[in-house]
C-alpha atoms as a PDB file:
ATOM      1  CA  MET A   1     -22.718  -6.909  36.525  1.00  0.00           C
ATOM      2  CA  SER A   2     -23.330  -6.092  32.733  1.00  0.00           C
ATOM      3  CA  SER A   3     -21.122  -5.143  31.066  1.00  0.00           C
ATOM      4  CA  PRO A   4     -21.843  -2.209  28.568  1.00  0.00           C
ATOM      5  CA  VAL A   5     -19.877  -3.855  25.242  1.00  0.00           C
ATOM      6  CA  LEU A   6     -22.502  -5.991  24.628  1.00  0.00           C
ATOM      7  CA  PRO A   7     -25.376  -3.497  24.823  1.00  0.00           C
ATOM      8  CA  ARG A   8     -23.663  -0.810  22.025  1.00  0.00           C
ATOM      9  CA  LEU A   9     -22.577  -3.220  19.925  1.00  0.00           C
ATOM     10  CA  SER A  10     -26.046  -4.597  19.298  1.00  0.00           C
ATOM     11  CA  ARG A  11     -27.260  -0.864  19.296  1.00  0.00           C
ATOM     12  CA  GLY A  12     -24.041  -0.791  16.303  1.00  0.00           C
ATOM     13  CA  LEU A  13     -25.546  -3.756  14.343  1.00  0.00           C
ATOM     14  CA  ARG A  14     -29.252  -3.173  14.886  1.00  0.00           C
ATOM     15  CA  LEU A  15     -28.484   0.529  12.896  1.00  0.00           C
ATOM     16  CA  LEU A  16     -26.653  -1.342  10.305  1.00  0.00           C
ATOM     17  CA  THR A  17     -29.473  -4.189   9.861  1.00  0.00           C
ATOM     18  CA  LEU A  18     -32.425  -0.976   9.860  1.00  0.00           C
ATOM     19  CA  ALA A  19     -30.009   0.742   7.165  1.00  0.00           C
ATOM     20  CA  MET A  20     -29.894  -2.468   4.978  1.00  0.00           C
ATOM     21  CA  LEU A  21     -33.173  -3.072   5.376  1.00  0.00           C
ATOM     22  CA  THR A  22     -34.569   0.186   4.248  1.00  0.00           C
ATOM     23  CA  LEU A  23     -31.885   0.242   1.130  1.00  0.00           C
ATOM     24  CA  ALA A  24     -33.530  -3.393   0.371  1.00  0.00           C
ATOM     25  CA  SER A  25     -36.573  -1.505  -1.191  1.00  0.00           C
ATOM     26  CA  LEU A  26     -34.988  -0.399  -3.914  1.00  0.00           C
ATOM     27  CA  ALA A  27     -35.040  -2.329  -7.621  1.00  0.00           C
ATOM     28  CA  ALA A  28     -32.975  -5.551  -7.589  1.00  0.00           C
ATOM     29  CA  ARG A  29     -24.141  -5.507 -11.846  1.00  0.00           C
ATOM     30  CA  ALA A  30     -22.712  -9.611 -10.484  1.00  0.00           C
ATOM     31  CA  ALA A  31     -20.501 -10.227  -7.131  1.00  0.00           C
ATOM     32  CA  PRO A  32     -16.655 -10.408  -8.509  1.00  0.00           C
ATOM     33  CA  ASP A  33     -14.252 -13.236  -6.637  1.00  0.00           C
ATOM     34  CA  GLU A  34     -13.070 -10.078  -4.246  1.00  0.00           C
ATOM     35  CA  ILE A  35     -15.768  -7.710  -2.671  1.00  0.00           C
ATOM     36  CA  GLN A  36     -13.233  -5.468  -0.919  1.00  0.00           C
ATOM     37  CA  VAL A  37     -12.234  -1.391  -0.920  1.00  0.00           C
ATOM     38  CA  TYR A  38      -8.497  -0.560  -0.271  1.00  0.00           C
ATOM     39  CA  THR A  39      -7.189   1.103   2.814  1.00  0.00           C
ATOM     40  CA  GLU A  40      -3.666   1.940   3.403  1.00  0.00           C
ATOM     41  CA  GLU A  41      -3.113  -1.519   5.003  1.00  0.00           C
ATOM     42  CA  MET A  42       0.273  -3.779   3.775  1.00  0.00           C
ATOM     43  CA  ASN A  43       2.310  -5.698   4.608  1.00  0.00           C
ATOM     44  CA  ASP A  44       6.028  -4.527   6.382  1.00  0.00           C
ATOM     45  CA  PRO A  45       8.859  -4.996   3.915  1.00  0.00           C
ATOM     46  CA  GLY A  46      10.204  -8.616   4.268  1.00  0.00           C
ATOM     47  CA  GLU A  47       6.626  -9.777   5.247  1.00  0.00           C
ATOM     48  CA  PHE A  48       4.381 -12.631   3.236  1.00  0.00           C
ATOM     49  CA  GLY A  49       0.701 -12.366   3.914  1.00  0.00           C
ATOM     50  CA  VAL A  50      -2.861 -14.598   2.966  1.00  0.00           C
ATOM     51  CA  GLU A  51      -5.820 -13.146   2.283  1.00  0.00           C
ATOM     52  CA  VAL A  52      -8.965 -15.757   2.044  1.00  0.00           C
ATOM     53  CA  HIS A  53     -11.751 -13.844  -0.213  1.00  0.00           C
ATOM     54  CA  VAL A  54     -15.008 -16.285   0.096  1.00  0.00           C
ATOM     55  CA  ASN A  55     -18.486 -14.802  -1.135  1.00  0.00           C
ATOM     56  CA  HIS A  56     -21.505 -16.287  -1.427  1.00  0.00           C
ATOM     57  CA  VAL A  57     -25.425 -16.298  -4.107  1.00  0.00           C
ATOM     58  CA  PRO A  58     -28.126 -17.036  -2.340  1.00  0.00           C
ATOM     59  CA  LYS A  59     -30.443 -15.111  -4.319  1.00  0.00           C
ATOM     60  CA  GLY A  60     -28.980 -14.017  -8.209  1.00  0.00           C
ATOM     61  CA  ARG A  61     -29.038 -14.435 -11.329  1.00  0.00           C
ATOM     62  CA  VAL A  62     -29.879 -17.811 -13.270  1.00  0.00           C
ATOM     63  CA  ALA A  63     -29.597 -17.519 -16.755  1.00  0.00           C
ATOM     64  CA  PRO A  64     -26.404 -16.529 -17.845  1.00  0.00           C
ATOM     65  CA  SER A  65     -25.505 -13.383 -20.154  1.00  0.00           C
ATOM     66  CA  TYR A  66     -23.388 -14.680 -23.151  1.00  0.00           C
ATOM     67  CA  PRO A  67     -22.928 -18.610 -23.490  1.00  0.00           C
ATOM     68  CA  GLY A  68     -21.093 -20.444 -21.265  1.00  0.00           C
ATOM     69  CA  GLU A  69     -21.601 -17.899 -18.407  1.00  0.00           C
ATOM     70  CA  MET A  70     -21.274 -19.353 -14.492  1.00  0.00           C
ATOM     71  CA  ALA A  71     -24.960 -17.868 -13.457  1.00  0.00           C
ATOM     72  CA  SER A  72     -24.014 -16.404  -9.836  1.00  0.00           C
ATOM     73  CA  GLU A  73     -27.211 -17.317  -7.985  1.00  0.00           C
ATOM     74  CA  ARG A  74     -25.753 -20.118  -5.073  1.00  0.00           C
ATOM     75  CA  ARG A  75     -22.189 -19.657  -6.649  1.00  0.00           C
ATOM     76  CA  LEU A  76     -19.237 -19.409  -3.920  1.00  0.00           C
ATOM     77  CA  GLN A  77     -16.187 -17.705  -4.537  1.00  0.00           C
ATOM     78  CA  VAL A  78     -13.169 -19.102  -2.834  1.00  0.00           C
ATOM     79  CA  THR A  79      -9.904 -16.387  -3.772  1.00  0.00           C
ATOM     80  CA  PRO A  80      -7.260 -17.311  -1.921  1.00  0.00           C
ATOM     81  CA  GLU A  81      -4.096 -13.871  -1.811  1.00  0.00           C
ATOM     82  CA  PHE A  82      -0.770 -14.198  -1.528  1.00  0.00           C
ATOM     83  CA  SER A  83       1.138 -11.315  -1.061  1.00  0.00           C
ATOM     84  CA  TYR A  84       4.258  -9.472  -0.611  1.00  0.00           C
ATOM     85  CA  GLY A  85       5.987  -5.996   1.261  1.00  0.00           C
ATOM     86  CA  ILE A  86       8.436  -5.355  -1.356  1.00  0.00           C
ATOM     87  CA  SER A  87       9.299  -2.401   0.703  1.00  0.00           C
ATOM     88  CA  LYS A  88       7.568   0.119   3.195  1.00  0.00           C
ATOM     89  CA  THR A  89       5.545   1.557   0.536  1.00  0.00           C
ATOM     90  CA  LEU A  90       5.640  -1.243  -2.025  1.00  0.00           C
ATOM     91  CA  GLU A  91       3.319  -4.594  -1.837  1.00  0.00           C
ATOM     92  CA  ALA A  92       2.750  -7.826  -4.585  1.00  0.00           C
ATOM     93  CA  GLY A  93       0.091  -9.987  -4.657  1.00  0.00           C
ATOM     94  CA  LEU A  94      -1.632 -13.274  -6.653  1.00  0.00           C
ATOM     95  CA  TYR A  95      -5.032 -13.985  -6.960  1.00  0.00           C
ATOM     96  CA  LEU A  96      -5.886 -17.394  -7.670  1.00  0.00           C
ATOM     97  CA  PRO A  97      -9.899 -16.942  -8.061  1.00  0.00           C
ATOM     98  CA  LEU A  98     -11.784 -20.519  -7.368  1.00  0.00           C
ATOM     99  CA  ALA A  99     -15.232 -21.404  -7.657  1.00  0.00           C
ATOM    100  CA  LEU A 100     -18.317 -23.775  -6.483  1.00  0.00           C
ATOM    101  CA  GLY A 101     -21.304 -23.408  -9.626  1.00  0.00           C
ATOM    102  CA  ALA A 102     -24.896 -24.896  -8.681  1.00  0.00           C
ATOM    103  CA  ASP A 103     -22.947 -28.229  -9.998  1.00  0.00           C
ATOM    104  CA  GLY A 104     -21.340 -28.520  -7.233  1.00  0.00           C
ATOM    105  CA  ASP A 105     -17.646 -28.516  -9.090  1.00  0.00           C
ATOM    106  CA  LEU A 106     -14.851 -27.550  -8.269  1.00  0.00           C
ATOM    107  CA  TYR A 107     -13.383 -24.770 -10.822  1.00  0.00           C
ATOM    108  CA  GLY A 108     -10.923 -22.463 -11.423  1.00  0.00           C
ATOM    109  CA  ASN A 109     -11.156 -18.778 -12.888  1.00  0.00           C
ATOM    110  CA  GLY A 110      -8.428 -17.661 -13.794  1.00  0.00           C
ATOM    111  CA  LEU A 111      -5.344 -15.542 -12.346  1.00  0.00           C
ATOM    112  CA  ARG A 112      -4.172 -11.798 -11.033  1.00  0.00           C
ATOM    113  CA  PHE A 113      -1.219  -9.931 -10.007  1.00  0.00           C
ATOM    114  CA  ARG A 114      -1.353  -6.861  -8.490  1.00  0.00           C
ATOM    115  CA  LEU A 115       1.383  -3.877  -7.155  1.00  0.00           C
ATOM    116  CA  LYS A 116      -0.239  -1.850  -4.381  1.00  0.00           C
ATOM    117  CA  TYR A 117       2.022   1.652  -3.707  1.00  0.00           C
ATOM    118  CA  ILE A 118       0.583   3.831  -1.010  1.00  0.00           C
ATOM    119  CA  ALA A 119       2.207   7.632  -0.266  1.00  0.00           C
ATOM    120  CA  PRO A 120       4.990   7.623   2.744  1.00  0.00           C
ATOM    121  CA  ARG A 121       3.516   9.261   5.530  1.00  0.00           C
ATOM    122  CA  GLU A 122       4.740  11.099   8.824  1.00  0.00           C
ATOM    123  CA  GLU A 123       3.776   8.947  12.138  1.00  0.00           C
ATOM    124  CA  GLY A 124       0.343   9.817  12.773  1.00  0.00           C
ATOM    125  CA  ASP A 125      -0.632  11.482  10.169  1.00  0.00           C
ATOM    126  CA  ARG A 126      -4.651  10.721   9.102  1.00  0.00           C
ATOM    127  CA  PHE A 127      -5.114  11.088   5.726  1.00  0.00           C
ATOM    128  CA  PHE A 128      -3.765   8.450   2.925  1.00  0.00           C
ATOM    129  CA  TRP A 129      -3.336   8.084  -0.343  1.00  0.00           C
ATOM    130  CA  GLY A 130      -1.722   5.831  -3.111  1.00  0.00           C
ATOM    131  CA  LEU A 131      -2.742   3.486  -6.114  1.00  0.00           C
ATOM    132  CA  ASN A 132      -3.348  -0.168  -6.825  1.00  0.00           C
ATOM    133  CA  THR A 133      -2.434  -1.871  -9.876  1.00  0.00           C
ATOM    134  CA  GLU A 134      -4.006  -5.677 -11.061  1.00  0.00           C
ATOM    135  CA  LEU A 135      -3.814  -7.447 -14.644  1.00  0.00           C
ATOM    136  CA  GLY A 136      -5.188 -10.603 -14.706  1.00  0.00           C
ATOM    137  CA  TYR A 137      -6.165 -13.764 -16.947  1.00  0.00           C
ATOM    138  CA  SER A 138     -10.023 -14.795 -17.062  1.00  0.00           C
ATOM    139  CA  VAL A 139     -11.958 -18.552 -17.980  1.00  0.00           C
ATOM    140  CA  ARG A 140     -15.233 -17.663 -20.552  1.00  0.00           C
ATOM    141  CA  ARG A 141     -16.757 -19.022 -17.310  1.00  0.00           C
ATOM    142  CA  ILE A 142     -17.303 -15.276 -15.440  1.00  0.00           C
ATOM    143  CA  SER A 143     -16.368 -12.823 -18.503  1.00  0.00           C
ATOM    144  CA  GLN A 144     -15.687 -12.723 -21.911  1.00  0.00           C
ATOM    145  CA  SER A 145     -12.784 -10.298 -21.789  1.00  0.00           C
ATOM    146  CA  ALA A 146      -9.336 -13.218 -20.511  1.00  0.00           C
ATOM    147  CA  ALA A 147      -7.803 -10.668 -20.109  1.00  0.00           C
ATOM    148  CA  GLY A 148      -8.078  -7.622 -17.978  1.00  0.00           C
ATOM    149  CA  VAL A 149      -6.562  -4.427 -15.838  1.00  0.00           C
ATOM    150  CA  GLU A 150      -7.965  -2.191 -13.388  1.00  0.00           C
ATOM    151  CA  PHE A 151      -6.716   1.027 -11.750  1.00  0.00           C
ATOM    152  CA  ARG A 152      -7.977   1.521  -8.373  1.00  0.00           C
ATOM    153  CA  PRO A 153      -6.752   5.230  -6.527  1.00  0.00           C
ATOM    154  CA  ILE A 154      -6.471   4.811  -2.743  1.00  0.00           C
ATOM    155  CA  ILE A 155      -7.596   7.847  -0.278  1.00  0.00           C
ATOM    156  CA  GLY A 156      -8.702   8.070   3.095  1.00  0.00           C
ATOM    157  CA  TYR A 157      -8.377   8.894   6.203  1.00  0.00           C
ATOM    158  CA  ARG A 158      -8.364   6.780   9.534  1.00  0.00           C
ATOM    159  CA  ASP A 159      -8.724   7.550  13.598  1.00  0.00           C
ATOM    160  CA  GLU A 160      -8.560   6.172  16.605  1.00  0.00           C
ATOM    161  CA  ARG A 161     -12.647   5.678  15.308  1.00  0.00           C
ATOM    162  CA  TRP A 162     -13.548   6.531  12.060  1.00  0.00           C
ATOM    163  CA  LEU A 163     -11.978   4.950   8.763  1.00  0.00           C
ATOM    164  CA  PHE A 164     -12.875   6.261   5.484  1.00  0.00           C
ATOM    165  CA  SER A 165     -11.951   4.825   2.256  1.00  0.00           C
ATOM    166  CA  PHE A 166     -12.238   5.650  -1.100  1.00  0.00           C
ATOM    167  CA  ASN A 167     -11.419   4.146  -4.280  1.00  0.00           C
ATOM    168  CA  PRO A 168     -12.551   5.838  -7.782  1.00  0.00           C
ATOM    169  CA  ILE A 169     -11.958   2.549  -9.244  1.00  0.00           C
ATOM    170  CA  VAL A 170     -11.224   1.774 -13.401  1.00  0.00           C
ATOM    171  CA  ASN A 171     -11.737  -1.426 -15.447  1.00  0.00           C
ATOM    172  CA  ALA A 172     -11.032  -1.790 -18.579  1.00  0.00           C
ATOM    173  CA  ASP A 173     -11.360  -5.649 -20.954  1.00  0.00           C
ATOM    174  CA  LEU A 174      -8.676  -6.630 -22.978  1.00  0.00           C
ATOM    175  CA  SER A 175      -9.198  -8.725 -25.493  1.00  0.00           C
ATOM    176  CA  SER A 176     -10.136  -7.789 -28.554  1.00  0.00           C
ATOM    177  CA  ASN A 177     -13.497  -9.865 -28.473  1.00  0.00           C
ATOM    178  CA  VAL A 178     -15.352  -7.100 -26.492  1.00  0.00           C
ATOM    179  CA  SER A 179     -15.137  -3.494 -25.888  1.00  0.00           C
ATOM    180  CA  ARG A 180     -11.580  -2.229 -24.748  1.00  0.00           C
ATOM    181  CA  ARG A 181     -13.628   0.489 -23.428  1.00  0.00           C
ATOM    182  CA  PRO A 182     -12.271   1.504 -19.324  1.00  0.00           C
ATOM    183  CA  VAL A 183     -15.790   0.857 -16.293  1.00  0.00           C
ATOM    184  CA  PHE A 184     -15.710   3.176 -14.295  1.00  0.00           C
ATOM    185  CA  GLU A 185     -16.449   1.456 -10.834  1.00  0.00           C
ATOM    186  CA  PRO A 186     -16.431   2.939  -6.997  1.00  0.00           C
ATOM    187  CA  ALA A 187     -16.268   1.764  -3.967  1.00  0.00           C
ATOM    188  CA  VAL A 188     -15.982   3.074  -0.237  1.00  0.00           C
ATOM    189  CA  LYS A 189     -16.394   2.504   3.316  1.00  0.00           C
ATOM    190  CA  LEU A 190     -16.996   4.029   5.961  1.00  0.00           C
ATOM    191  CA  THR A 191     -17.197   2.031   9.533  1.00  0.00           C
ATOM    192  CA  HIS A 192     -16.417   3.106  13.132  1.00  0.00           C
ATOM    193  CA  ARG A 193     -15.227   1.775  15.824  1.00  0.00           C
ATOM    194  CA  VAL A 194     -18.143  -0.643  18.370  1.00  0.00           C
ATOM    195  CA  VAL A 195     -15.426  -1.787  20.805  1.00  0.00           C
ATOM    196  CA  GLU A 196     -11.888  -2.561  21.205  1.00  0.00           C
ATOM    197  CA  GLY A 197     -10.932  -4.824  17.429  1.00  0.00           C
ATOM    198  CA  VAL A 198     -14.248  -3.830  16.255  1.00  0.00           C
ATOM    199  CA  ASN A 199     -15.524  -2.196  13.746  1.00  0.00           C
ATOM    200  CA  ALA A 200     -18.685  -1.732  11.679  1.00  0.00           C
ATOM    201  CA  GLY A 201     -20.061   0.101   8.908  1.00  0.00           C
ATOM    202  CA  LEU A 202     -21.338  -0.189   5.109  1.00  0.00           C
ATOM    203  CA  GLU A 203     -19.479  -0.568   1.993  1.00  0.00           C
ATOM    204  CA  TYR A 204     -20.467   0.529  -1.171  1.00  0.00           C
ATOM    205  CA  TYR A 205     -20.336  -0.614  -4.846  1.00  0.00           C
ATOM    206  CA  GLY A 206     -20.992   1.240  -8.071  1.00  0.00           C
ATOM    207  CA  GLY A 207     -21.410   0.159 -11.989  1.00  0.00           C
ATOM    208  CA  TYR A 208     -21.306   3.549 -13.473  1.00  0.00           C
ATOM    209  CA  GLY A 209     -20.495   2.873 -16.732  1.00  0.00           C
ATOM    210  CA  PRO A 210     -18.203   4.029 -19.732  1.00  0.00           C
ATOM    211  CA  LEU A 211     -15.697   6.490 -18.448  1.00  0.00           C
ATOM    212  CA  HIS A 212     -15.883   8.040 -21.567  1.00  0.00           C
ATOM    213  CA  HIS A 213     -19.345   8.593 -21.601  1.00  0.00           C
ATOM    214  CA  LEU A 214     -21.354   7.934 -17.826  1.00  0.00           C
ATOM    215  CA  SER A 215     -24.563   5.542 -17.767  1.00  0.00           C
ATOM    216  CA  SER A 216     -27.961   7.851 -16.370  1.00  0.00           C
ATOM    217  CA  ALA A 217     -28.776   7.376 -12.894  1.00  0.00           C
ATOM    218  CA  GLN A 218     -31.681   4.814 -14.360  1.00  0.00           C
ATOM    219  CA  GLU A 219     -29.012   2.212 -16.089  1.00  0.00           C
ATOM    220  CA  MET A 220     -26.228   2.710 -12.767  1.00  0.00           C
ATOM    221  CA  SER A 221     -25.882  -0.589 -10.927  1.00  0.00           C
ATOM    222  CA  HIS A 222     -25.417  -0.315  -6.954  1.00  0.00           C
ATOM    223  CA  ASP A 223     -24.255  -2.320  -4.062  1.00  0.00           C
ATOM    224  CA  LEU A 224     -25.097  -1.522  -0.370  1.00  0.00           C
ATOM    225  CA  TYR A 225     -22.494  -4.024   2.401  1.00  0.00           C
ATOM    226  CA  ALA A 226     -23.390  -4.170   6.048  1.00  0.00           C
ATOM    227  CA  VAL A 227     -20.002  -5.095   6.974  1.00  0.00           C
ATOM    228  CA  VAL A 228     -18.365  -5.807  10.610  1.00  0.00           C
ATOM    229  CA  ASP A 229     -14.133  -5.750  10.886  1.00  0.00           C
ATOM    230  CA  VAL A 230     -12.793  -7.315  13.751  1.00  0.00           C
ATOM    231  CA  GLU A 231      -8.570  -8.014  14.682  1.00  0.00           C
ATOM    232  CA  THR A 232      -8.217 -10.796  16.717  1.00  0.00           C
ATOM    233  CA  HIS A 233      -4.681 -12.232  17.472  1.00  0.00           C
ATOM    234  CA  GLY A 234      -2.960 -10.887  14.553  1.00  0.00           C
ATOM    235  CA  ILE A 235      -6.162 -11.929  12.262  1.00  0.00           C
ATOM    236  CA  ASP A 236      -8.301  -9.377  10.362  1.00  0.00           C
ATOM    237  CA  LEU A 237     -11.991 -10.322   9.466  1.00  0.00           C
ATOM    238  CA  ASN A 238     -13.928  -8.660   7.635  1.00  0.00           C
ATOM    239  CA  PHE A 239     -17.696 -10.423   7.482  1.00  0.00           C
ATOM    240  CA  GLY A 240     -20.542  -8.423   5.165  1.00  0.00           C
ATOM    241  CA  ILE A 241     -24.458  -8.580   3.727  1.00  0.00           C
ATOM    242  CA  GLY A 242     -25.040  -7.175   0.712  1.00  0.00           C
ATOM    243  CA  ARG A 243     -28.166  -5.689  -0.592  1.00  0.00           C
ATOM    244  CA  GLY A 244     -28.024  -5.309  -4.638  1.00  0.00           C
ATOM    245  CA  MET A 245     -30.204  -2.554  -5.063  1.00  0.00           C
ATOM    246  CA  ARG A 246     -30.378  -1.258  -9.001  1.00  0.00           C
ATOM    247  CA  ASN A 247     -29.448  -2.991 -11.913  1.00  0.00           C
ATOM    248  CA  ALA A 248     -27.525  -5.060  -9.597  1.00  0.00           C
ATOM    249  CA  GLU A 249     -27.411  -9.219 -11.210  1.00  0.00           C
ATOM    250  CA  ASP A 250     -27.348 -10.285  -7.896  1.00  0.00           C
ATOM    251  CA  GLU A 251     -29.868  -9.435  -4.811  1.00  0.00           C
ATOM    252  CA  TRP A 252     -28.381 -10.921  -2.088  1.00  0.00           C
ATOM    253  CA  ILE A 253     -24.512 -11.300  -1.215  1.00  0.00           C
ATOM    254  CA  ALA A 254     -22.098 -12.546   1.658  1.00  0.00           C
ATOM    255  CA  LYS A 255     -19.078 -12.097   1.862  1.00  0.00           C
ATOM    256  CA  ALA A 256     -15.819 -13.051   4.322  1.00  0.00           C
ATOM    257  CA  ILE A 257     -12.370 -12.196   4.353  1.00  0.00           C
ATOM    258  CA  ILE A 258      -9.645 -13.726   6.587  1.00  0.00           C
ATOM    259  CA  ALA A 259      -6.077 -12.440   6.618  1.00  0.00           C
ATOM    260  CA  PHE A 260      -3.088 -12.956   8.330  1.00  0.00           C
ATOM    261  CA  PRO A 261       0.566 -12.202   8.148  1.00  0.00           C
ATOM    262  CA  PHE A 262       3.116 -14.936   8.594  1.00  0.00           C
ATOM    263  CA  LYS A 263       6.772 -14.074   8.089  1.00  0.00           C
END
């Protein structure tokens, strides 16, 4: 007898594919080393964790936008992230971005430190909020600014079937050779449980321009991903296929995040 699980999963994937193909008809921001919407998930106090972020641009920008930049097309980025639970509300992290260029060479692209806070919640609370702050150094291959800072508020809701998380991100370059005006880059995640341990949905990433004077609708950039989240044997997996829409530098992006804790 056939299982009802596979038909439900198949229907969900068909709907996500249809949504992606519809949005692909729009006009085609480069893929960063970390493509993720933050939620309330964090390590327990005293617990270490590792996430490996992988993304590949099969079709993207082939020419650099400034001298010395690594073009995005056919670039494979692999970023190990090491984290540690400081307390029930605080988690620290370290990113070590790497990239394999179209020339086949492996490059180190800097490092970033982060501190994540999630507000205390009562058992059974569905809503969550917090703030993630990052400070990083980047090489010229990926950024004209050697130093940068990110403030990422985290606002969301989770129950047995639904997850919604909104990250109204503000980024700012810190080097003296570039504009240091903060820019607004919102991110949103919405997923629904398909079967036990499997959620499917969408992730959105936008580039809205300087915070003090947002870009016009015609100048903003948008990226949309069809995503699947899988929990199995203590390991969390996130897979996504992204489409760069209006003003995005990359047309198609594939991404994966593999996360597992250890003590």
